[in-house]
C-alpha atoms as a PDB file:
ATOM      1  CA  MET A   1      18.485  -8.718 -19.154  1.00  0.00           C
ATOM      2  CA  ALA A   2      20.957  -9.240 -17.029  1.00  0.00           C
ATOM      3  CA  ALA A   3      21.227  -8.388 -13.720  1.00  0.00           C
ATOM      4  CA  GLN A   4      23.116  -5.304 -12.294  1.00  0.00           C
ATOM      5  CA  HIS A   5      25.570  -5.785  -9.257  1.00  0.00           C
ATOM      6  CA  TRP A   6      25.949  -2.800  -6.945  1.00  0.00           C
ATOM      7  CA  GLY A   7      29.346  -1.878  -8.002  1.00  0.00           C
ATOM      8  CA  ASP A   8      28.311  -1.426 -11.593  1.00  0.00           C
ATOM      9  CA  LEU A   9      25.628   1.340 -10.644  1.00  0.00           C
ATOM     10  CA  SER A  10      26.561   4.444 -10.838  1.00  0.00           C
ATOM     11  CA  PRO A  11      27.086   7.023  -7.842  1.00  0.00           C
ATOM     12  CA  ARG A  12      23.794   8.743  -8.591  1.00  0.00           C
ATOM     13  CA  ALA A  13      21.683   5.386  -8.980  1.00  0.00           C
ATOM     14  CA  ARG A  14      23.121   4.158  -5.654  1.00  0.00           C
ATOM     15  CA  ARG A  15      21.956   7.325  -3.954  1.00  0.00           C
ATOM     16  CA  LEU A  16      18.896   7.207  -5.408  1.00  0.00           C
ATOM     17  CA  LEU A  17      18.348   3.613  -4.439  1.00  0.00           C
ATOM     18  CA  LEU A  18      19.300   4.322  -0.897  1.00  0.00           C
ATOM     19  CA  ALA A  19      16.992   7.167  -0.456  1.00  0.00           C
ATOM     20  CA  GLY A  20      14.003   5.208  -1.858  1.00  0.00           C
ATOM     21  CA  ALA A  21      14.923   2.477   0.466  1.00  0.00           C
ATOM     22  CA  ALA A  22      14.956   5.008   3.361  1.00  0.00           C
ATOM     23  CA  ALA A  23      11.682   6.631   2.443  1.00  0.00           C
ATOM     24  CA  GLU A  24      10.268   3.218   2.505  1.00  0.00           C
ATOM     25  CA  GLY A  25      11.873   2.276   5.609  1.00  0.00           C
ATOM     26  CA  VAL A  26      10.517   5.638   7.341  1.00  0.00           C
ATOM     27  CA  LEU A  27       6.909   5.220   5.749  1.00  0.00           C
ATOM     28  CA  LYS A  28       6.590   1.492   7.249  1.00  0.00           C
ATOM     29  CA  VAL A  29       8.064   2.701  10.765  1.00  0.00           C
ATOM     30  CA  ALA A  30       5.327   5.512  10.921  1.00  0.00           C
ATOM     31  CA  ALA A  31       2.480   3.421   9.633  1.00  0.00           C
ATOM     32  CA  LEU A  32       3.399   0.449  12.046  1.00  0.00           C
ATOM     33  CA  ALA A  33       3.949   3.031  14.681  1.00  0.00           C
ATOM     34  CA  ASP A  34       0.505   4.538  13.846  1.00  0.00           C
ATOM     35  CA  ILE A  35      -1.412   1.050  13.723  1.00  0.00           C
ATOM     36  CA  LYS A  36      -0.081   0.334  17.051  1.00  0.00           C
ATOM     37  CA  ARG A  37      -0.910   3.691  19.071  1.00  0.00           C
ATOM     38  CA  ARG A  38      -4.409   4.075  17.195  1.00  0.00           C
ATOM     39  CA  PRO A  39      -7.800   2.307  18.491  1.00  0.00           C
ATOM     40  CA  ALA A  40      -9.387  -0.317  16.431  1.00  0.00           C
ATOM     41  CA  SER A  41     -12.169   1.835  15.787  1.00  0.00           C
ATOM     42  CA  GLU A  42     -10.155   4.480  13.923  1.00  0.00           C
ATOM     43  CA  ILE A  43      -8.793   1.892  11.480  1.00  0.00           C
ATOM     44  CA  ARG A  44     -10.710   0.936   8.434  1.00  0.00           C
ATOM     45  CA  GLY A  45     -10.285  -2.600   8.314  1.00  0.00           C
ATOM     46  CA  SER A  46      -8.557  -5.089  10.586  1.00  0.00           C
ATOM     47  CA  LYS A  47      -4.933  -3.846  12.552  1.00  0.00           C
ATOM     48  CA  TRP A  48      -3.870  -7.573  11.877  1.00  0.00           C
ATOM     49  CA  VAL A  49      -4.423  -7.166   8.427  1.00  0.00           C
ATOM     50  CA  TRP A  50      -2.569  -3.735   7.939  1.00  0.00           C
ATOM     51  CA  GLY A  51       0.307  -4.854  10.251  1.00  0.00           C
ATOM     52  CA  PRO A  52       1.814  -7.480   8.299  1.00  0.00           C
ATOM     53  CA  ALA A  53       0.938  -6.125   4.960  1.00  0.00           C
ATOM     54  CA  MET A  54       3.679  -3.485   6.003  1.00  0.00           C
ATOM     55  CA  ILE A  55       5.993  -5.988   6.097  1.00  0.00           C
ATOM     56  CA  ILE A  56       5.687  -7.399   2.663  1.00  0.00           C
ATOM     57  CA  ASN A  57       7.928  -5.551   0.149  1.00  0.00           C
ATOM     58  CA  SER A  58       5.553  -3.031  -0.952  1.00  0.00           C
ATOM     59  CA  ALA A  59       7.741  -0.239  -2.518  1.00  0.00           C
ATOM     60  CA  GLY A  60       5.964   2.071  -0.172  1.00  0.00           C
ATOM     61  CA  ALA A  61       2.407   1.481  -1.764  1.00  0.00           C
ATOM     62  CA  ILE A  62       1.078  -0.354   1.384  1.00  0.00           C
ATOM     63  CA  PRO A  63       2.275   2.429   3.673  1.00  0.00           C
ATOM     64  CA  LEU A  64       0.616   5.190   1.370  1.00  0.00           C
ATOM     65  CA  ALA A  65      -2.562   3.256   1.171  1.00  0.00           C
ATOM     66  CA  TYR A  66      -3.095   2.910   4.945  1.00  0.00           C
ATOM     67  CA  PHE A  67      -2.469   6.832   5.380  1.00  0.00           C
ATOM     68  CA  VAL A  68      -4.822   7.340   2.719  1.00  0.00           C
ATOM     69  CA  PHE A  69      -7.423   4.756   3.036  1.00  0.00           C
ATOM     70  CA  GLY A  70      -6.967   2.815   6.446  1.00  0.00           C
ATOM     71  CA  ARG A  71      -7.314   5.500   8.945  1.00  0.00           C
ATOM     72  CA  ARG A  72     -10.985   6.973   9.869  1.00  0.00           C
ATOM     73  CA  ARG A  73     -11.057  11.013  10.293  1.00  0.00           C
ATOM     74  CA  ARG A  74     -11.297  11.849  14.195  1.00  0.00           C
ATOM     75  CA  GLY A  75     -14.226  13.755  15.282  1.00  0.00           C
END
């Protein structure tokens, strides 16, 4: 399969790629901000593992996993 270039994509495909990249970026920034402000006792696992894992190209999977599984419930 030949690689496609940005100019070869339809305008709709470009918009979808940009929207997906923006959504992933927002998720990563929100997760990193939450990790920074939340005490370690309220996070399942190590902050030092969750933080760098966010930087890896994850297609949104790592930030979503953090919000679903990585945070302990307050209360």
